[in-house]
Amino acid sequence: MGIQFLELVTWVRHRKIFASALLVLTLGIGILVGTLIPGKVAAVRPGDPNGPMLLTIPDPVNLSNGFSNIVTRVEPAVVNISTTQVFEAPKDKRGTGTRGQDPFQDFFNKYFSQNPGVERGPEAEKSLGSGVIVDKRGYILTNDHVINGATKIQVAIDGDPTHYTGKVIGYDKQTDLAVVKIDAGHDLPVARLGNSEGSKVGDWVLAFGSPFSLNGSVTAGIISATNRQNIGNSQFQNFIQTDAAINPGNSGGPLVNLAGDVIGINTAIYTGSRGFEGVGFALPSNTAINIYNQLVTQGHVTRGSIGIKFQDDQTSDVLLHKELGAPNGVVVQYVAPSGPASRAGIQPGDVITQINGHAVRAGSDLINPVIGTPVGHAVALSYVRNGKTRNVSVNVADMSKIFPDDTSAGADPVSADVETGPTSFGLHVEELTPEISRHMGLSASQPGVIVSEVEPTSFADDIKFLRGEVIVEINHVAITNLQDYKQEIAKLKPGEDVLFKVVHPDGTGQQYTVFHAGTIPRSAE
């Protein structure tokens, strides 16, 4: 009986093991089948409490809406200016135009012109720029180079299908600013002009305009520098530099700060490809306001002048100031005969160190107070001559009367076949004969030696010597002829400081006194 009971227990145990194995096998097969064979998914019924929640599109979030708010306020006042200039196409021997000397155009004219032997008539050239409305009656501030030479000016306002004809109210080439007016028949949106003196390096700015014909474009950046000079050809251009993208077509558009105020007019870029490279320039709004007010009231700009021209490219040269005995300042190159400065006793070579009690460290420190002083009023100047400081009061006169425009081209002051004298520091000089003096517009008795050649990359080139200048002093010692020059040059040693005083004729009858200073390199010969 006991044996039978044990056999029964063993049989039951084996039966359980078999059943468990069968169950595991069945589940495995089910999982495999469920994986390989997709099942049917039931649709979600609206209102099903056990169903998943449906996704919804969230409300828009305004990020950095300070920029967009400024765009909303300023953009309506920004305009697109397109100009057409009609010119008579020059003719070559085939009767085709050669304007611009484009090789591809020459190729096209030669092989694809339908009538290569027929002379062409007038041609039209189109260009594009921007502007900003500053008066609801349709007065627009832009660049002179945008409208210069235009036969036809059309102004487009974003959102307005009408193209308005623009009329030039006035322009100023010295600052590259112009005012154009349109008649829309209703009040126009305007942009508010701000005070550019409050602009600081690092401030956020927005640049508006129509780069590459893309109307209504806005770019953002910061102010990279202020009071940037020597960018254009005028001493009256002191730019705000920015890395906000400025491209062809942006010219004349506004540069705007985060208060929504126009602090500059986009004017120029530094580029090797005509595209944006991170360096753009805008004329400060304070300059633009002054020019605008004069253009709309009198049609031209009146600037004050004391009748001098000065050397500004070396105003930060400590050695130059040291040699002239001045702590800072700009060096007078030329004094207009019978001008205010001449009557006050100022001479070429003087260093103007202060105006109205304020230090002069750059050209703009002198220019801005002078042009801001009404004609007939006086400014107080301090200047250094031979190491001694002098003070004088100088009346401000109308610049156009002291320096009338002179477009005459000067002759090359030195003939190419003239024999050169000894070479020192990259300078080739020769005797200044009466014949050469007359050719250069100098007095026949002018002392000195003339620079006939400046070797590239030499010491003379580094300190900005120019061909045609007349050396009259070396380290304050007068140079009357070639022998004097040789003696003084022989005294100079490598590592020593040297100061050259030269007379620079400009080919129009005016002569400038210029100083070149530097430390003689150890390798100089």
Protein backbone atom coordinates (compact mmCIF):
# COMPACT_ATOMS: atom_id res chain seq x y z
CA MET A 1 0.00 0.00 0.00
CA GLY A 2 2.86 2.34 0.86
CA ILE A 3 4.54 1.61 -2.42
CA GLN A 4 1.45 2.38 -4.40
CA PHE A 5 1.04 5.69 -2.56
CA LEU A 6 4.59 6.77 -3.47
CA GLU A 7 4.05 5.88 -7.10
CA LEU A 8 0.90 8.00 -7.09
CA VAL A 9 2.75 10.99 -5.63
CA THR A 10 5.54 10.65 -8.20
CA TRP A 11 3.01 10.47 -11.01
CA VAL A 12 1.20 13.62 -9.78
CA ARG A 13 4.51 15.48 -9.47
CA HIS A 14 5.53 14.61 -12.99
CA ARG A 15 2.11 15.65 -14.18
CA LYS A 16 2.53 19.16 -12.62
CA ILE A 17 5.94 19.61 -14.14
CA PHE A 18 4.59 18.68 -17.54
CA ALA A 19 1.63 21.06 -17.14
CA SER A 20 3.91 23.95 -16.08
CA ALA A 21 6.18 23.37 -19.06
CA LEU A 22 3.21 23.27 -21.40
CA LEU A 23 1.90 26.56 -19.94
CA VAL A 24 5.25 28.33 -20.40
CA LEU A 25 5.50 27.07 -23.97
CA THR A 26 2.00 28.30 -24.74
CA LEU A 27 2.69 31.78 -23.34
CA GLY A 28 5.93 32.03 -25.30
CA ILE A 29 4.20 31.14 -28.54
CA GLY A 30 1.50 33.74 -27.79
CA ILE A 31 4.02 36.49 -27.17
CA LEU A 32 5.87 35.64 -30.37
CA VAL A 33 2.68 35.64 -32.41
CA GLY A 34 1.60 38.97 -30.85
CA THR A 35 4.89 40.50 -31.79
CA LEU A 36 4.96 39.37 -35.38
CA ILE A 37 1.26 39.81 -36.20
CA PRO A 38 -0.06 43.38 -35.64
CA GLY A 39 -3.29 43.62 -33.85
CA LYS A 40 -6.21 45.89 -34.49
CA VAL A 41 -6.16 49.25 -32.60
CA ALA A 42 -9.49 50.60 -31.49
CA ALA A 43 -10.26 54.25 -32.45
CA VAL A 44 -10.47 56.74 -29.62
CA ARG A 45 -14.04 57.73 -28.99
CA PRO A 46 -14.58 61.39 -27.97
CA GLY A 47 -15.61 61.63 -24.36
CA ASP A 48 -14.29 58.20 -23.45
CA PRO A 49 -13.15 58.64 -19.82
CA ASN A 50 -10.66 55.79 -20.19
CA GLY A 51 -9.19 57.02 -23.50
CA PRO A 52 -5.99 59.07 -23.95
CA MET A 53 -6.06 62.86 -23.78
CA LEU A 54 -5.93 64.64 -27.15
CA LEU A 55 -3.03 67.05 -27.88
CA THR A 56 -3.72 70.77 -28.43
CA ILE A 57 -1.68 73.59 -30.08
CA PRO A 58 -0.39 75.85 -27.27
CA ASP A 59 -0.80 79.62 -27.18
CA PRO A 60 2.10 81.51 -28.87
CA VAL A 61 4.86 82.66 -26.52
CA ASN A 62 6.48 86.08 -27.11
CA LEU A 63 10.23 85.65 -26.76
CA SER A 64 12.52 88.72 -26.94
CA ASN A 65 9.50 90.76 -27.96
CA GLY A 66 11.50 93.94 -27.37
CA PHE A 67 12.88 93.58 -30.91
CA SER A 68 9.51 92.88 -32.49
CA ASN A 69 7.93 95.83 -30.70
CA ILE A 70 10.61 98.13 -32.14
CA VAL A 71 10.09 96.71 -35.62
CA THR A 72 6.34 97.31 -35.34
CA ARG A 73 6.96 100.96 -34.50
CA VAL A 74 9.80 101.77 -36.91
CA GLU A 75 9.24 99.60 -39.98
CA PRO A 76 6.26 101.62 -41.35
CA ALA A 77 8.57 104.66 -41.66
CA VAL A 78 11.32 102.83 -43.56
CA VAL A 79 11.13 103.22 -47.34
CA ASN A 80 12.66 101.61 -50.38
CA ILE A 81 14.32 104.05 -52.79
CA SER A 82 14.93 102.96 -56.38
CA THR A 83 16.70 105.28 -58.78
CA THR A 84 17.23 105.34 -62.51
CA GLN A 85 20.16 107.08 -64.11
CA VAL A 86 20.14 107.65 -67.86
CA PHE A 87 23.53 107.92 -69.53
CA GLU A 88 24.88 107.92 -73.06
CA ALA A 89 26.62 104.60 -73.64
CA PRO A 90 30.20 105.02 -74.87
CA LYS A 91 30.83 103.41 -78.25
CA ASP A 92 33.65 101.15 -79.32
CA LYS A 93 34.60 100.42 -82.91
CA ARG A 94 31.74 97.93 -83.17
CA GLY A 95 29.23 100.51 -81.95
CA THR A 96 28.62 98.64 -78.69
CA GLY A 97 28.87 100.07 -75.20
CA THR A 98 32.02 99.67 -73.18
CA ARG A 99 30.82 101.20 -69.92
CA GLY A 100 32.48 99.47 -67.00
CA GLN A 101 34.79 97.44 -69.27
CA ASP A 102 33.08 94.19 -68.24
CA PRO A 103 34.87 91.33 -70.10
CA PHE A 104 31.75 89.20 -70.11
CA GLN A 105 29.73 92.07 -71.55
CA ASP A 106 32.36 92.54 -74.25
CA PHE A 107 32.06 88.85 -75.07
CA PHE A 108 28.28 89.12 -75.17
CA ASN A 109 28.39 92.21 -77.37
CA LYS A 110 30.82 90.57 -79.78
CA TYR A 111 29.00 87.31 -80.30
CA PHE A 112 25.37 87.86 -79.37
CA SER A 113 24.51 91.47 -80.27
CA GLN A 114 21.87 91.47 -82.98
CA ASN A 115 23.11 94.71 -84.54
CA PRO A 116 26.79 95.06 -83.62
CA GLY A 117 27.32 97.79 -86.19
CA VAL A 118 24.45 100.04 -85.03
CA GLU A 119 25.20 102.76 -82.51
CA ARG A 120 23.25 102.48 -79.28
CA GLY A 121 21.31 105.32 -77.77
CA PRO A 122 20.95 106.30 -74.13
CA GLU A 123 20.97 103.52 -71.56
CA ALA A 124 19.45 103.33 -68.09
CA GLU A 125 21.12 102.09 -64.95
CA LYS A 126 19.04 101.23 -61.89
CA SER A 127 20.12 101.14 -58.28
CA LEU A 128 18.50 100.52 -54.94
CA GLY A 129 18.73 102.02 -51.47
CA SER A 130 16.71 102.83 -48.40
CA GLY A 131 15.51 105.82 -46.43
CA VAL A 132 13.53 106.79 -43.35
CA ILE A 133 10.58 109.17 -43.11
CA VAL A 134 11.27 111.82 -40.47
CA ASP A 135 8.37 114.20 -41.19
CA LYS A 136 4.73 113.19 -41.73
CA ARG A 137 4.59 115.52 -44.75
CA GLY A 138 6.89 113.16 -46.64
CA TYR A 139 10.44 114.31 -45.86
CA ILE A 140 12.87 111.39 -46.06
CA LEU A 141 16.46 111.16 -44.83
CA THR A 142 18.79 109.00 -46.91
CA ASN A 143 22.35 108.85 -48.30
CA ASP A 144 23.58 111.15 -51.04
CA HIS A 145 25.14 108.19 -52.87
CA VAL A 146 21.69 106.58 -53.06
CA ILE A 147 20.23 109.42 -55.14
CA ASN A 148 23.38 110.91 -56.66
CA GLY A 149 23.03 111.43 -60.42
CA ALA A 150 19.53 109.97 -60.49
CA THR A 151 17.28 110.91 -63.40
CA LYS A 152 14.26 109.41 -61.67
CA ILE A 153 13.63 108.60 -57.99
CA GLN A 154 10.84 106.27 -56.88
CA VAL A 155 9.91 105.69 -53.26
CA ALA A 156 7.99 102.64 -52.05
CA ILE A 157 6.44 102.29 -48.60
CA ASP A 158 5.94 98.77 -47.26
CA GLY A 159 2.29 97.80 -47.60
CA ASP A 160 1.47 100.67 -49.95
CA PRO A 161 1.15 99.64 -53.64
CA THR A 162 1.78 103.21 -54.83
CA HIS A 163 5.27 104.14 -56.02
CA TYR A 164 5.81 107.80 -55.21
CA THR A 165 8.07 110.11 -57.18
CA GLY A 166 10.78 111.60 -55.01
CA LYS A 167 12.11 115.16 -55.22
CA VAL A 168 15.58 116.03 -53.95
CA ILE A 169 15.39 118.83 -51.38
CA GLY A 170 19.13 118.99 -50.80
CA TYR A 171 22.27 116.93 -50.32
CA ASP A 172 25.62 117.15 -48.58
CA LYS A 173 28.50 115.19 -50.05
CA GLN A 174 30.77 115.80 -47.09
CA THR A 175 28.55 113.64 -44.86
CA ASP A 176 26.89 111.63 -47.68
CA LEU A 177 23.41 112.69 -46.55
CA ALA A 178 20.42 113.82 -48.61
CA VAL A 179 16.78 114.78 -48.09
CA VAL A 180 14.07 113.56 -50.48
CA LYS A 181 10.38 114.53 -50.38
CA ILE A 182 7.30 112.69 -51.60
CA ASP A 183 3.69 113.89 -51.80
CA ALA A 184 1.43 111.09 -50.58
CA GLY A 185 -1.66 113.25 -50.02
CA HIS A 186 -1.93 112.15 -46.39
CA ASP A 187 0.16 112.04 -43.23
CA LEU A 188 2.87 109.40 -43.25
CA PRO A 189 4.30 107.37 -40.38
CA VAL A 190 7.56 108.75 -39.02
CA ALA A 191 10.51 107.40 -37.08
CA ARG A 192 11.71 109.23 -34.02
CA LEU A 193 15.28 110.53 -34.15
CA GLY A 194 17.34 110.05 -31.01
CA ASN A 195 20.50 111.51 -29.51
CA SER A 196 23.46 109.49 -30.76
CA GLU A 197 25.70 110.83 -27.98
CA GLY A 198 24.03 108.32 -25.65
CA SER A 199 25.18 105.36 -27.73
CA LYS A 200 27.78 103.12 -26.12
CA VAL A 201 29.88 100.23 -27.33
CA GLY A 202 27.97 97.02 -26.61
CA ASP A 203 24.47 98.51 -26.97
CA TRP A 204 21.98 96.46 -29.00
CA VAL A 205 20.90 98.02 -32.31
CA LEU A 206 18.68 97.09 -35.26
CA ALA A 207 19.46 97.94 -38.90
CA PHE A 208 16.51 98.48 -41.25
CA GLY A 209 16.52 98.60 -45.04
CA SER A 210 16.23 96.73 -48.33
CA PRO A 211 19.42 94.69 -48.81
CA PHE A 212 19.62 93.04 -52.23
CA SER A 213 16.08 94.33 -53.02
CA LEU A 214 14.65 92.41 -50.05
CA ASN A 215 12.20 95.02 -48.74
CA GLY A 216 11.39 95.28 -45.07
CA SER A 217 14.53 93.52 -43.79
CA VAL A 218 15.73 93.91 -40.21
CA THR A 219 19.00 92.72 -38.70
CA ALA A 220 20.28 92.91 -35.12
CA GLY A 221 23.71 93.43 -33.62
CA ILE A 222 25.63 95.61 -31.22
CA ILE A 223 27.57 98.85 -31.47
CA SER A 224 31.16 97.78 -32.06
CA ALA A 225 32.76 101.24 -31.86
CA THR A 226 31.83 104.91 -31.83
CA ASN A 227 33.45 107.99 -33.36
CA ARG A 228 35.12 105.85 -36.03
CA GLN A 229 37.07 108.16 -38.34
CA ASN A 230 39.11 107.92 -41.55
CA ILE A 231 36.56 105.58 -43.14
CA GLY A 232 35.36 107.81 -45.96
CA ASN A 233 37.00 110.69 -47.79
CA SER A 234 35.61 113.43 -45.57
CA GLN A 235 36.81 114.77 -42.24
CA PHE A 236 33.15 115.34 -41.29
CA GLN A 237 32.30 111.64 -41.18
CA ASN A 238 32.55 110.11 -37.72
CA PHE A 239 30.77 106.78 -37.79
CA ILE A 240 29.00 104.45 -35.42
CA GLN A 241 30.40 100.99 -36.16
CA THR A 242 28.08 97.99 -35.81
CA ASP A 243 28.06 94.25 -36.50
CA ALA A 244 24.36 94.31 -37.40
CA ALA A 245 24.27 92.96 -40.96
CA ILE A 246 24.41 95.86 -43.47
CA ASN A 247 24.54 95.00 -47.17
CA PRO A 248 24.12 96.78 -50.52
CA GLY A 249 20.61 98.26 -50.46
CA ASN A 250 20.73 99.06 -46.73
CA SER A 251 22.29 102.45 -47.47
CA GLY A 252 20.13 105.28 -46.15
CA GLY A 253 18.15 103.07 -43.79
CA PRO A 254 18.01 103.74 -40.05
CA LEU A 255 20.08 102.24 -37.26
CA VAL A 256 17.79 102.02 -34.22
CA ASN A 257 18.44 101.50 -30.52
CA LEU A 258 16.28 99.52 -28.08
CA ALA A 259 14.33 102.65 -27.20
CA GLY A 260 13.08 102.69 -30.79
CA ASP A 261 15.04 105.85 -31.61
CA VAL A 262 17.02 106.31 -34.83
CA ILE A 263 20.62 106.89 -33.75
CA GLY A 264 22.27 106.57 -37.17
CA ILE A 265 21.87 106.38 -40.94
CA ASN A 266 23.42 103.24 -42.45
CA THR A 267 26.09 104.43 -44.88
CA ALA A 268 29.01 102.09 -45.54
CA ILE A 269 30.51 98.65 -45.02
CA TYR A 270 33.96 97.15 -44.96
CA THR A 271 33.93 94.20 -47.33
CA GLY A 272 36.08 92.29 -49.75
CA SER A 273 33.10 90.64 -51.43
CA ARG A 274 30.45 93.42 -51.46
CA GLY A 275 28.66 91.35 -48.81
CA PHE A 276 28.35 91.48 -45.05
CA GLU A 277 31.55 90.80 -43.13
CA GLY A 278 30.59 92.07 -39.69
CA VAL A 279 31.74 95.69 -40.03
CA GLY A 280 29.17 98.34 -40.95
CA PHE A 281 29.04 102.08 -40.42
CA ALA A 282 26.24 104.55 -39.73
CA LEU A 283 26.39 108.33 -39.53
CA PRO A 284 25.30 109.47 -36.05
CA SER A 285 21.82 110.93 -35.76
CA ASN A 286 23.16 114.15 -34.24
CA THR A 287 25.10 114.79 -37.45
CA ALA A 288 22.08 113.82 -39.55
CA ILE A 289 19.75 116.17 -37.64
CA ASN A 290 22.07 119.14 -38.11
CA ILE A 291 22.47 118.45 -41.85
CA TYR A 292 18.74 117.81 -42.32
CA ASN A 293 17.73 121.08 -40.67
CA GLN A 294 20.06 123.08 -42.90
CA LEU A 295 19.00 121.28 -46.08
CA VAL A 296 15.26 121.77 -45.53
CA THR A 297 15.62 125.43 -44.51
CA GLN A 298 18.27 126.72 -46.92
CA GLY A 299 18.88 123.92 -49.42
CA HIS A 300 22.58 123.65 -48.62
CA VAL A 301 24.93 123.23 -45.67
CA THR A 302 26.94 126.10 -44.17
CA ARG A 303 29.96 124.99 -42.18
CA GLY A 304 32.17 127.05 -39.98
CA SER A 305 35.91 127.07 -40.47
CA ILE A 306 38.91 128.80 -38.96
CA GLY A 307 40.90 128.43 -42.19
CA ILE A 308 43.27 125.56 -41.46
CA LYS A 309 43.93 122.02 -42.60
CA PHE A 310 45.56 119.65 -40.20
CA GLN A 311 47.33 116.34 -39.84
CA ASP A 312 45.04 113.83 -38.16
CA ASP A 313 46.37 110.39 -39.06
CA GLN A 314 49.10 110.58 -36.41
CA THR A 315 47.28 112.39 -33.60
CA SER A 316 47.80 109.38 -31.35
CA ASP A 317 51.52 109.19 -32.17
CA VAL A 318 53.22 109.82 -28.84
CA LEU A 319 56.59 110.29 -30.52
CA LEU A 320 55.29 113.00 -32.84
CA HIS A 321 53.81 114.97 -29.94
CA LYS A 322 56.96 114.48 -27.92
CA GLU A 323 59.15 115.87 -30.71
CA LEU A 324 56.83 118.87 -31.15
CA GLY A 325 56.65 119.52 -27.41
CA ALA A 326 52.89 119.01 -27.15
CA PRO A 327 51.00 116.59 -24.87
CA ASN A 328 48.33 115.97 -27.50
CA GLY A 329 46.59 117.72 -30.37
CA VAL A 330 46.39 118.03 -34.14
CA VAL A 331 49.23 119.43 -36.24
CA VAL A 332 48.42 122.36 -38.50
CA GLN A 333 49.44 121.56 -42.08
CA TYR A 334 48.08 124.54 -43.96
CA VAL A 335 46.80 128.00 -43.05
CA ALA A 336 44.60 129.76 -45.59
CA PRO A 337 45.99 133.20 -46.47
CA SER A 338 43.92 136.00 -44.91
CA GLY A 339 41.77 133.40 -43.12
CA PRO A 340 40.76 133.63 -39.44
CA ALA A 341 43.62 131.44 -38.20
CA SER A 342 46.16 133.38 -40.26
CA ARG A 343 44.91 136.66 -38.82
CA ALA A 344 45.19 135.17 -35.32
CA GLY A 345 48.85 134.28 -35.92
CA ILE A 346 48.56 130.48 -36.27
CA GLN A 347 51.23 128.95 -38.52
CA PRO A 348 51.86 125.56 -40.16
CA GLY A 349 53.57 123.26 -37.70
CA ASP A 350 51.63 124.55 -34.68
CA VAL A 351 49.88 121.89 -32.59
CA ILE A 352 46.34 122.81 -31.49
CA THR A 353 45.85 121.20 -28.09
CA GLN A 354 42.60 122.72 -26.78
CA ILE A 355 39.41 124.38 -28.04
CA ASN A 356 37.09 126.21 -25.66
CA GLY A 357 38.93 124.62 -22.74
CA HIS A 358 38.50 121.03 -23.97
CA ALA A 359 41.42 118.82 -25.00
CA VAL A 360 41.92 118.10 -28.69
CA ARG A 361 43.00 114.49 -29.11
CA ALA A 362 41.53 113.75 -32.54
CA GLY A 363 40.39 115.75 -35.52
CA SER A 364 36.73 115.50 -34.54
CA ASP A 365 37.51 117.19 -31.20
CA LEU A 366 38.47 120.28 -33.21
CA ILE A 367 36.04 120.01 -36.12
CA ASN A 368 32.80 119.50 -34.23
CA PRO A 369 33.04 122.61 -32.01
CA VAL A 370 34.11 124.75 -34.98
CA ILE A 371 31.31 123.70 -37.33
CA GLY A 372 28.88 123.94 -34.42
CA THR A 373 29.81 127.58 -33.82
CA PRO A 374 27.75 130.14 -35.77
CA VAL A 375 29.66 132.02 -38.45
CA GLY A 376 30.94 135.30 -37.01
CA HIS A 377 31.39 133.95 -33.47
CA ALA A 378 34.77 133.05 -31.95
CA VAL A 379 36.38 129.96 -30.45
CA ALA A 380 39.22 129.90 -27.92
CA LEU A 381 42.25 127.90 -29.00
CA SER A 382 45.41 126.78 -27.24
CA TYR A 383 48.33 125.70 -29.37
CA VAL A 384 51.98 124.76 -28.97
CA ARG A 385 54.84 126.24 -30.99
CA ASN A 386 58.45 125.32 -30.25
CA GLY A 387 57.37 123.76 -26.97
CA LYS A 388 55.56 126.87 -25.72
CA THR A 389 51.80 127.09 -25.24
CA ARG A 390 49.90 130.08 -26.61
CA ASN A 391 46.25 131.08 -26.36
CA VAL A 392 44.26 132.91 -28.98
CA SER A 393 40.68 133.75 -29.95
CA VAL A 394 39.76 132.88 -33.54
CA ASN A 395 36.62 133.93 -35.40
CA VAL A 396 34.67 131.29 -37.32
CA ALA A 397 34.04 132.02 -41.00
CA ASP A 398 32.06 130.34 -43.79
CA MET A 399 34.07 127.36 -45.02
CA SER A 400 32.79 127.67 -48.59
CA LYS A 401 34.36 131.11 -48.82
CA ILE A 402 37.70 130.06 -47.36
CA PHE A 403 38.00 126.75 -49.21
CA PRO A 404 35.95 126.96 -52.41
CA ASP A 405 35.72 123.72 -54.35
CA ASP A 406 38.75 123.18 -56.55
CA THR A 407 38.41 120.36 -59.07
CA SER A 408 41.55 121.10 -61.04
CA ALA A 409 43.88 118.16 -61.29
CA GLY A 410 47.46 118.69 -60.27
CA ALA A 411 50.33 117.66 -62.51
CA ASP A 412 52.67 114.91 -61.43
CA PRO A 413 55.21 116.87 -59.37
CA VAL A 414 58.21 114.73 -60.27
CA SER A 415 59.10 113.54 -63.75
CA ALA A 416 59.86 109.86 -64.09
CA ASP A 417 63.19 110.46 -65.83
CA VAL A 418 64.76 112.63 -63.12
CA GLU A 419 67.96 111.25 -61.65
CA THR A 420 67.65 110.32 -58.00
CA GLY A 421 70.06 111.18 -55.23
CA PRO A 422 71.26 108.97 -52.37
CA THR A 423 68.96 106.42 -50.77
CA SER A 424 68.38 106.37 -47.01
CA PHE A 425 65.63 104.53 -45.12
CA GLY A 426 63.88 103.91 -48.45
CA LEU A 427 63.96 107.60 -49.42
CA HIS A 428 65.22 108.78 -52.80
CA VAL A 429 65.78 112.55 -52.82
CA GLU A 430 67.25 115.16 -55.12
CA GLU A 431 67.97 118.86 -55.29
CA LEU A 432 64.92 121.09 -55.50
CA THR A 433 65.68 123.20 -58.57
CA PRO A 434 63.75 126.38 -59.48
CA GLU A 435 62.29 124.53 -62.47
CA ILE A 436 60.91 121.71 -60.30
CA SER A 437 59.64 124.26 -57.77
CA ARG A 438 57.67 126.11 -60.47
CA HIS A 439 56.30 122.82 -61.77
CA MET A 440 55.03 122.01 -58.28
CA GLY A 441 53.61 125.45 -57.65
CA LEU A 442 56.27 126.33 -55.08
CA SER A 443 58.31 129.47 -54.73
CA ALA A 444 61.50 129.45 -56.79
CA SER A 445 63.42 130.11 -53.57
CA GLN A 446 61.81 127.20 -51.67
CA PRO A 447 64.56 125.46 -49.64
CA GLY A 448 64.81 121.71 -49.14
CA VAL A 449 65.17 118.48 -51.06
CA ILE A 450 62.41 116.75 -52.97
CA VAL A 451 61.39 113.13 -52.44
CA SER A 452 61.49 111.47 -55.86
CA GLU A 453 60.70 107.92 -54.73
CA VAL A 454 59.60 106.03 -51.62
CA GLU A 455 60.51 102.35 -51.56
CA PRO A 456 57.60 100.06 -50.58
CA THR A 457 57.77 98.45 -47.10
CA SER A 458 60.71 100.71 -46.16
CA PHE A 459 61.01 102.84 -43.03
CA ALA A 460 60.09 105.91 -45.09
CA ASP A 461 56.96 104.12 -46.33
CA ASP A 462 56.06 103.09 -42.77
CA ILE A 463 56.07 106.71 -41.56
CA LYS A 464 53.94 107.74 -44.57
CA PHE A 465 56.39 109.65 -46.77
CA LEU A 466 54.96 110.51 -50.20
CA ARG A 467 56.62 111.13 -53.52
CA GLY A 468 56.78 114.86 -54.27
CA GLU A 469 57.14 116.04 -50.67
CA VAL A 470 59.90 118.53 -49.87
CA ILE A 471 61.99 117.86 -46.76
CA VAL A 472 62.78 121.18 -45.03
CA GLU A 473 63.87 119.99 -41.55
CA ILE A 474 65.36 116.91 -39.92
CA ASN A 475 65.17 116.90 -36.13
CA HIS A 476 64.51 120.67 -36.16
CA VAL A 477 67.61 121.35 -38.28
CA ALA A 478 66.88 123.30 -41.48
CA ILE A 479 67.53 121.50 -44.77
CA THR A 480 68.22 123.91 -47.63
CA ASN A 481 69.91 121.61 -50.14
CA LEU A 482 71.10 118.07 -50.80
CA GLN A 483 74.33 118.59 -48.88
CA ASP A 484 72.44 119.55 -45.72
CA TYR A 485 70.27 116.48 -46.14
CA LYS A 486 73.28 114.15 -46.42
CA GLN A 487 74.92 115.63 -43.32
CA GLU A 488 71.84 115.26 -41.13
CA ILE A 489 71.05 111.78 -42.39
CA ALA A 490 74.61 110.70 -41.60
CA LYS A 491 74.09 111.69 -37.96
CA LEU A 492 71.10 109.38 -37.46
CA LYS A 493 71.66 106.07 -35.69
CA PRO A 494 69.50 102.91 -35.56
CA GLY A 495 67.16 102.98 -32.56
CA GLU A 496 67.04 106.80 -32.46
CA ASP A 497 63.93 108.90 -32.93
CA VAL A 498 63.72 111.12 -35.98
CA LEU A 499 61.34 113.92 -36.97
CA PHE A 500 61.04 115.10 -40.57
CA LYS A 501 59.28 118.35 -41.41
CA VAL A 502 58.11 118.48 -45.02
CA VAL A 503 56.18 120.71 -47.37
CA HIS A 504 53.45 118.84 -49.24
CA PRO A 505 52.09 120.56 -52.38
CA ASP A 506 48.64 119.28 -53.34
CA GLY A 507 48.78 120.31 -56.98
CA THR A 508 46.20 123.09 -56.62
CA GLY A 509 48.53 125.79 -55.32
CA GLN A 510 48.02 124.91 -51.66
CA GLN A 511 50.95 123.69 -49.57
CA TYR A 512 50.73 121.69 -46.35
CA THR A 513 53.23 121.40 -43.56
CA VAL A 514 53.44 117.74 -42.58
CA PHE A 515 55.52 115.89 -39.97
CA HIS A 516 56.77 112.31 -40.28
CA ALA A 517 58.12 110.79 -37.09
CA GLY A 518 59.44 107.37 -36.19
CA THR A 519 62.09 105.32 -34.47
CA ILE A 520 64.81 104.23 -36.89
CA PRO A 521 64.76 100.42 -37.04
CA ARG A 522 67.90 98.52 -36.18
CA SER A 523 68.03 97.06 -39.68
CA ALA A 524 67.73 100.44 -41.43
CA GLU A 525 70.54 101.41 -43.78
